[in-house]
Amino acid sequence: AGRSGREVHEHLARLGVNAPASNFYALEASRRLGLGDAGAVRAGIAAYTTQDEVDRLLDGVAG
């Protein structure tokens, strides 16, 4: 809390985590959720995501 989506994206990028920040073309939903035009951060996990990648994501959002 207290950080912009862009700040979170940049922090995670330094850790090698691809988690973009945007409204992802859902501007109205972003506004209704109180996120404004900037939107939020989106991170995805798939079957081929490694444990190391998951750990980096979790460590990144924790600290």
PDB file of N, CA and C in Angstrom:
ATOM      1  N   ALA A   1       0.842  -1.190   0.000  1.00  0.00           N
ATOM      2  CA  ALA A   1       0.000   0.000   0.000  1.00  0.00           C
ATOM      3  C   ALA A   1       0.874   1.236   0.000  1.00  0.00           C
ATOM      4  N   GLY A   2       0.336   2.297  -0.563  1.00  0.00           N
ATOM      5  CA  GLY A   2       1.068   3.546  -0.572  1.00  0.00           C
ATOM      6  C   GLY A   2       2.030   3.717  -1.730  1.00  0.00           C
ATOM      7  N   ARG A   3       2.047   2.800  -2.672  1.00  0.00           N
ATOM      8  CA  ARG A   3       2.927   2.901  -3.830  1.00  0.00           C
ATOM      9  C   ARG A   3       2.081   2.894  -5.102  1.00  0.00           C
ATOM     10  N   SER A   4       2.546   3.601  -6.090  1.00  0.00           N
ATOM     11  CA  SER A   4       1.834   3.592  -7.367  1.00  0.00           C
ATOM     12  C   SER A   4       2.125   2.283  -8.096  1.00  0.00           C
ATOM     13  N   GLY A   5       1.264   1.961  -9.033  1.00  0.00           N
ATOM     14  CA  GLY A   5       1.488   0.766  -9.839  1.00  0.00           C
ATOM     15  C   GLY A   5       2.808   0.826 -10.574  1.00  0.00           C
ATOM     16  N   ARG A   6       3.151   2.010 -11.045  1.00  0.00           N
ATOM     17  CA  ARG A   6       4.422   2.175 -11.756  1.00  0.00           C
ATOM     18  C   ARG A   6       5.614   1.903 -10.835  1.00  0.00           C
ATOM     19  N   GLU A   7       5.538   2.375  -9.599  1.00  0.00           N
ATOM     20  CA  GLU A   7       6.622   2.120  -8.637  1.00  0.00           C
ATOM     21  C   GLU A   7       6.766   0.626  -8.364  1.00  0.00           C
ATOM     22  N   VAL A   8       5.647  -0.058  -8.201  1.00  0.00           N
ATOM     23  CA  VAL A   8       5.682  -1.505  -7.956  1.00  0.00           C
ATOM     24  C   VAL A   8       6.251  -2.220  -9.176  1.00  0.00           C
ATOM     25  N   HIS A   9       5.799  -1.835 -10.355  1.00  0.00           N
ATOM     26  CA  HIS A   9       6.316  -2.424 -11.596  1.00  0.00           C
ATOM     27  C   HIS A   9       7.832  -2.260 -11.684  1.00  0.00           C
ATOM     28  N   GLU A  10       8.326  -1.047 -11.423  1.00  0.00           N
ATOM     29  CA  GLU A  10       9.765  -0.788 -11.511  1.00  0.00           C
ATOM     30  C   GLU A  10      10.547  -1.590 -10.478  1.00  0.00           C
ATOM     31  N   HIS A  11      10.016  -1.705  -9.276  1.00  0.00           N
ATOM     32  CA  HIS A  11      10.668  -2.499  -8.227  1.00  0.00           C
ATOM     33  C   HIS A  11      10.753  -3.965  -8.649  1.00  0.00           C
ATOM     34  N   LEU A  12       9.642  -4.512  -9.125  1.00  0.00           N
ATOM     35  CA  LEU A  12       9.632  -5.912  -9.543  1.00  0.00           C
ATOM     36  C   LEU A  12      10.533  -6.137 -10.753  1.00  0.00           C
ATOM     37  N   ALA A  13      10.581  -5.177 -11.666  1.00  0.00           N
ATOM     38  CA  ALA A  13      11.444  -5.303 -12.846  1.00  0.00           C
ATOM     39  C   ALA A  13      12.908  -5.406 -12.440  1.00  0.00           C
ATOM     40  N   ARG A  14      13.303  -4.661 -11.409  1.00  0.00           N
ATOM     41  CA  ARG A  14      14.689  -4.755 -10.923  1.00  0.00           C
ATOM     42  C   ARG A  14      15.006  -6.151 -10.391  1.00  0.00           C
ATOM     43  N   LEU A  15      13.974  -6.873  -9.966  1.00  0.00           N
ATOM     44  CA  LEU A  15      14.151  -8.240  -9.469  1.00  0.00           C
ATOM     45  C   LEU A  15      14.000  -9.276 -10.574  1.00  0.00           C
ATOM     46  N   GLY A  16      13.768  -8.815 -11.797  1.00  0.00           N
ATOM     47  CA  GLY A  16      13.602  -9.722 -12.924  1.00  0.00           C
ATOM     48  C   GLY A  16      12.200 -10.279 -13.067  1.00  0.00           C
ATOM     49  N   VAL A  17      11.219  -9.586 -12.482  1.00  0.00           N
ATOM     50  CA  VAL A  17       9.825 -10.032 -12.548  1.00  0.00           C
ATOM     51  C   VAL A  17       9.081  -9.140 -13.536  1.00  0.00           C
ATOM     52  N   ASN A  18       8.429  -9.755 -14.525  1.00  0.00           N
ATOM     53  CA  ASN A  18       7.634  -9.008 -15.491  1.00  0.00           C
ATOM     54  C   ASN A  18       6.214  -8.871 -14.964  1.00  0.00           C
ATOM     55  N   ALA A  19       5.898  -7.692 -14.440  1.00  0.00           N
ATOM     56  CA  ALA A  19       4.564  -7.400 -13.905  1.00  0.00           C
ATOM     57  C   ALA A  19       4.215  -5.971 -14.310  1.00  0.00           C
ATOM     58  N   PRO A  20       3.622  -5.810 -15.499  1.00  0.00           N
ATOM     59  CA  PRO A  20       3.341  -4.465 -15.996  1.00  0.00           C
ATOM     60  C   PRO A  20       2.283  -3.731 -15.184  1.00  0.00           C
ATOM     61  N   ALA A  21       2.306  -2.417 -15.289  1.00  0.00           N
ATOM     62  CA  ALA A  21       1.321  -1.563 -14.625  1.00  0.00           C
ATOM     63  C   ALA A  21       0.577  -0.779 -15.695  1.00  0.00           C
ATOM     64  N   SER A  22      -0.738  -0.857 -15.669  1.00  0.00           N
ATOM     65  CA  SER A  22      -1.562  -0.176 -16.661  1.00  0.00           C
ATOM     66  C   SER A  22      -3.021  -0.327 -16.278  1.00  0.00           C
ATOM     67  N   ASN A  23      -3.895   0.258 -17.099  1.00  0.00           N
ATOM     68  CA  ASN A  23      -5.321  -0.021 -16.924  1.00  0.00           C
ATOM     69  C   ASN A  23      -5.739  -1.159 -17.852  1.00  0.00           C
ATOM     70  N   PHE A  24      -4.807  -1.627 -18.699  1.00  0.00           N
ATOM     71  CA  PHE A  24      -5.007  -2.782 -19.570  1.00  0.00           C
ATOM     72  C   PHE A  24      -6.291  -2.671 -20.391  1.00  0.00           C
ATOM     73  N   TYR A  25      -6.541  -1.462 -20.887  1.00  0.00           N
ATOM     74  CA  TYR A  25      -7.697  -1.166 -21.747  1.00  0.00           C
ATOM     75  C   TYR A  25      -9.027  -1.390 -21.046  1.00  0.00           C
ATOM     76  N   ALA A  26      -9.020  -1.403 -19.724  1.00  0.00           N
ATOM     77  CA  ALA A  26     -10.249  -1.528 -18.932  1.00  0.00           C
ATOM     78  C   ALA A  26     -10.385  -0.270 -18.081  1.00  0.00           C
ATOM     79  N   LEU A  27     -10.394   0.862 -18.764  1.00  0.00           N
ATOM     80  CA  LEU A  27     -10.374   2.150 -18.081  1.00  0.00           C
ATOM     81  C   LEU A  27     -11.573   2.328 -17.159  1.00  0.00           C
ATOM     82  N   GLU A  28     -12.759   1.992 -17.622  1.00  0.00           N
ATOM     83  CA  GLU A  28     -13.953   2.167 -16.794  1.00  0.00           C
ATOM     84  C   GLU A  28     -13.887   1.282 -15.550  1.00  0.00           C
ATOM     85  N   ALA A  29     -13.469   0.041 -15.704  1.00  0.00           N
ATOM     86  CA  ALA A  29     -13.337  -0.855 -14.544  1.00  0.00           C
ATOM     87  C   ALA A  29     -12.293  -0.318 -13.575  1.00  0.00           C
ATOM     88  N   SER A  30     -11.182   0.172 -14.115  1.00  0.00           N
ATOM     89  CA  SER A  30     -10.130   0.738 -13.272  1.00  0.00           C
ATOM     90  C   SER A  30     -10.658   1.914 -12.455  1.00  0.00           C
ATOM     91  N   ARG A  31     -11.427   2.756 -13.095  1.00  0.00           N
ATOM     92  CA  ARG A  31     -11.993   3.910 -12.392  1.00  0.00           C
ATOM     93  C   ARG A  31     -12.992   3.474 -11.324  1.00  0.00           C
ATOM     94  N   ARG A  32     -13.843   2.521 -11.657  1.00  0.00           N
ATOM     95  CA  ARG A  32     -14.860   2.063 -10.697  1.00  0.00           C
ATOM     96  C   ARG A  32     -14.234   1.382  -9.484  1.00  0.00           C
ATOM     97  N   LEU A  33     -13.075   0.779  -9.682  1.00  0.00           N
ATOM     98  CA  LEU A  33     -12.370   0.146  -8.568  1.00  0.00           C
ATOM     99  C   LEU A  33     -11.564   1.157  -7.755  1.00  0.00           C
ATOM    100  N   GLY A  34     -11.613   2.412  -8.171  1.00  0.00           N
ATOM    101  CA  GLY A  34     -10.899   3.456  -7.448  1.00  0.00           C
ATOM    102  C   GLY A  34      -9.419   3.528  -7.775  1.00  0.00           C
ATOM    103  N   LEU A  35      -9.018   2.914  -8.875  1.00  0.00           N
ATOM    104  CA  LEU A  35      -7.612   2.895  -9.259  1.00  0.00           C
ATOM    105  C   LEU A  35      -7.237   4.059 -10.163  1.00  0.00           C
ATOM    106  N   GLY A  36      -8.227   4.795 -10.624  1.00  0.00           N
ATOM    107  CA  GLY A  36      -7.964   5.906 -11.522  1.00  0.00           C
ATOM    108  C   GLY A  36      -7.555   5.429 -12.897  1.00  0.00           C
ATOM    109  N   ASP A  37      -7.035   6.352 -13.687  1.00  0.00           N
ATOM    110  CA  ASP A  37      -6.649   6.020 -15.056  1.00  0.00           C
ATOM    111  C   ASP A  37      -5.391   5.158 -15.120  1.00  0.00           C
ATOM    112  N   ALA A  38      -4.564   5.205 -14.091  1.00  0.00           N
ATOM    113  CA  ALA A  38      -3.296   4.467 -14.101  1.00  0.00           C
ATOM    114  C   ALA A  38      -3.493   2.966 -13.969  1.00  0.00           C
ATOM    115  N   GLY A  39      -4.563   2.534 -13.336  1.00  0.00           N
ATOM    116  CA  GLY A  39      -4.823   1.107 -13.197  1.00  0.00           C
ATOM    117  C   GLY A  39      -4.034   0.454 -12.084  1.00  0.00           C
ATOM    118  N   ALA A  40      -3.557  -0.745 -12.356  1.00  0.00           N
ATOM    119  CA  ALA A  40      -2.914  -1.556 -11.323  1.00  0.00           C
ATOM    120  C   ALA A  40      -1.773  -2.369 -11.925  1.00  0.00           C
ATOM    121  N   VAL A  41      -1.156  -3.173 -11.107  1.00  0.00           N
ATOM    122  CA  VAL A  41      -0.096  -4.084 -11.533  1.00  0.00           C
ATOM    123  C   VAL A  41      -0.720  -5.444 -11.807  1.00  0.00           C
ATOM    124  N   ARG A  42      -0.248  -6.095 -12.861  1.00  0.00           N
ATOM    125  CA  ARG A  42      -0.761  -7.424 -13.193  1.00  0.00           C
ATOM    126  C   ARG A  42       0.408  -8.401 -13.299  1.00  0.00           C
ATOM    127  N   ALA A  43       0.342  -9.457 -12.523  1.00  0.00           N
ATOM    128  CA  ALA A  43       1.349 -10.519 -12.576  1.00  0.00           C
ATOM    129  C   ALA A  43       0.633 -11.830 -12.842  1.00  0.00           C
ATOM    130  N   GLY A  44       1.211 -12.647 -13.674  1.00  0.00           N
ATOM    131  CA  GLY A  44       0.587 -13.925 -14.001  1.00  0.00           C
ATOM    132  C   GLY A  44       1.507 -15.089 -13.684  1.00  0.00           C
ATOM    133  N   ILE A  45       0.894 -16.197 -13.359  1.00  0.00           N
ATOM    134  CA  ILE A  45       1.622 -17.441 -13.105  1.00  0.00           C
ATOM    135  C   ILE A  45       1.006 -18.509 -14.000  1.00  0.00           C
ATOM    136  N   ALA A  46       1.854 -19.259 -14.672  1.00  0.00           N
ATOM    137  CA  ALA A  46       1.396 -20.301 -15.588  1.00  0.00           C
ATOM    138  C   ALA A  46       2.037 -21.633 -15.210  1.00  0.00           C
ATOM    139  N   ALA A  47       1.653 -22.664 -15.907  1.00  0.00           N
ATOM    140  CA  ALA A  47       2.174 -24.005 -15.620  1.00  0.00           C
ATOM    141  C   ALA A  47       3.694 -24.068 -15.763  1.00  0.00           C
ATOM    142  N   TYR A  48       4.255 -23.239 -16.626  1.00  0.00           N
ATOM    143  CA  TYR A  48       5.702 -23.263 -16.862  1.00  0.00           C
ATOM    144  C   TYR A  48       6.475 -22.263 -15.997  1.00  0.00           C
ATOM    145  N   THR A  49       5.797 -21.542 -15.120  1.00  0.00           N
ATOM    146  CA  THR A  49       6.468 -20.616 -14.206  1.00  0.00           C
ATOM    147  C   THR A  49       7.262 -21.423 -13.185  1.00  0.00           C
ATOM    148  N   THR A  50       8.519 -21.054 -13.003  1.00  0.00           N
ATOM    149  CA  THR A  50       9.365 -21.807 -12.075  1.00  0.00           C
ATOM    150  C   THR A  50       9.140 -21.357 -10.631  1.00  0.00           C
ATOM    151  N   GLN A  51       9.552 -22.197  -9.713  1.00  0.00           N
ATOM    152  CA  GLN A  51       9.455 -21.851  -8.293  1.00  0.00           C
ATOM    153  C   GLN A  51      10.282 -20.610  -7.985  1.00  0.00           C
ATOM    154  N   ASP A  52      11.445 -20.484  -8.626  1.00  0.00           N
ATOM    155  CA  ASP A  52      12.285 -19.303  -8.425  1.00  0.00           C
ATOM    156  C   ASP A  52      11.554 -18.031  -8.855  1.00  0.00           C
ATOM    157  N   GLU A  53      10.842 -18.091  -9.971  1.00  0.00           N
ATOM    158  CA  GLU A  53      10.093 -16.924 -10.446  1.00  0.00           C
ATOM    159  C   GLU A  53       8.971 -16.557  -9.477  1.00  0.00           C
ATOM    160  N   VAL A  54       8.282 -17.553  -8.961  1.00  0.00           N
ATOM    161  CA  VAL A  54       7.223 -17.305  -7.976  1.00  0.00           C
ATOM    162  C   VAL A  54       7.820 -16.690  -6.715  1.00  0.00           C
ATOM    163  N   ASP A  55       8.941 -17.234  -6.263  1.00  0.00           N
ATOM    164  CA  ASP A  55       9.597 -16.707  -5.061  1.00  0.00           C
ATOM    165  C   ASP A  55      10.021 -15.251  -5.248  1.00  0.00           C
ATOM    166  N   ARG A  56      10.574 -14.915  -6.434  1.00  0.00           N
ATOM    167  CA  ARG A  56      10.980 -13.529  -6.696  1.00  0.00           C
ATOM    168  C   ARG A  56       9.778 -12.595  -6.681  1.00  0.00           C
ATOM    169  N   LEU A  57       8.658 -13.043  -7.247  1.00  0.00           N
ATOM    170  CA  LEU A  57       7.443 -12.233  -7.231  1.00  0.00           C
ATOM    171  C   LEU A  57       6.968 -12.006  -5.803  1.00  0.00           C
ATOM    172  N   LEU A  58       6.878 -13.078  -5.028  1.00  0.00           N
ATOM    173  CA  LEU A  58       6.396 -12.961  -3.652  1.00  0.00           C
ATOM    174  C   LEU A  58       7.334 -12.125  -2.787  1.00  0.00           C
ATOM    175  N   ASP A  59       8.633 -12.335  -2.944  1.00  0.00           N
ATOM    176  CA  ASP A  59       9.602 -11.521  -2.204  1.00  0.00           C
ATOM    177  C   ASP A  59       9.489 -10.051  -2.607  1.00  0.00           C
ATOM    178  N   GLY A  60       9.259  -9.815  -3.892  1.00  0.00           N
ATOM    179  CA  GLY A  60       9.156  -8.450  -4.386  1.00  0.00           C
ATOM    180  C   GLY A  60       7.949  -7.710  -3.853  1.00  0.00           C
ATOM    181  N   VAL A  61       6.815  -8.376  -3.775  1.00  0.00           N
ATOM    182  CA  VAL A  61       5.623  -7.686  -3.264  1.00  0.00           C
ATOM    183  C   VAL A  61       5.637  -7.611  -1.740  1.00  0.00           C
ATOM    184  N   ALA A  62       6.389  -8.496  -1.100  1.00  0.00           N
ATOM    185  CA  ALA A  62       6.481  -8.464   0.365  1.00  0.00           C
ATOM    186  C   ALA A  62       7.401  -7.341   0.839  1.00  0.00           C
ATOM    187  N   GLY A  63       8.394  -7.014   0.034  1.00  0.00           N
ATOM    188  CA  GLY A  63       9.356  -6.025   0.508  1.00  0.00           C
ATOM    189  C   GLY A  63       9.586  -5.000  -0.490  1.00  0.00           C
TER     190      GLY A  63
END
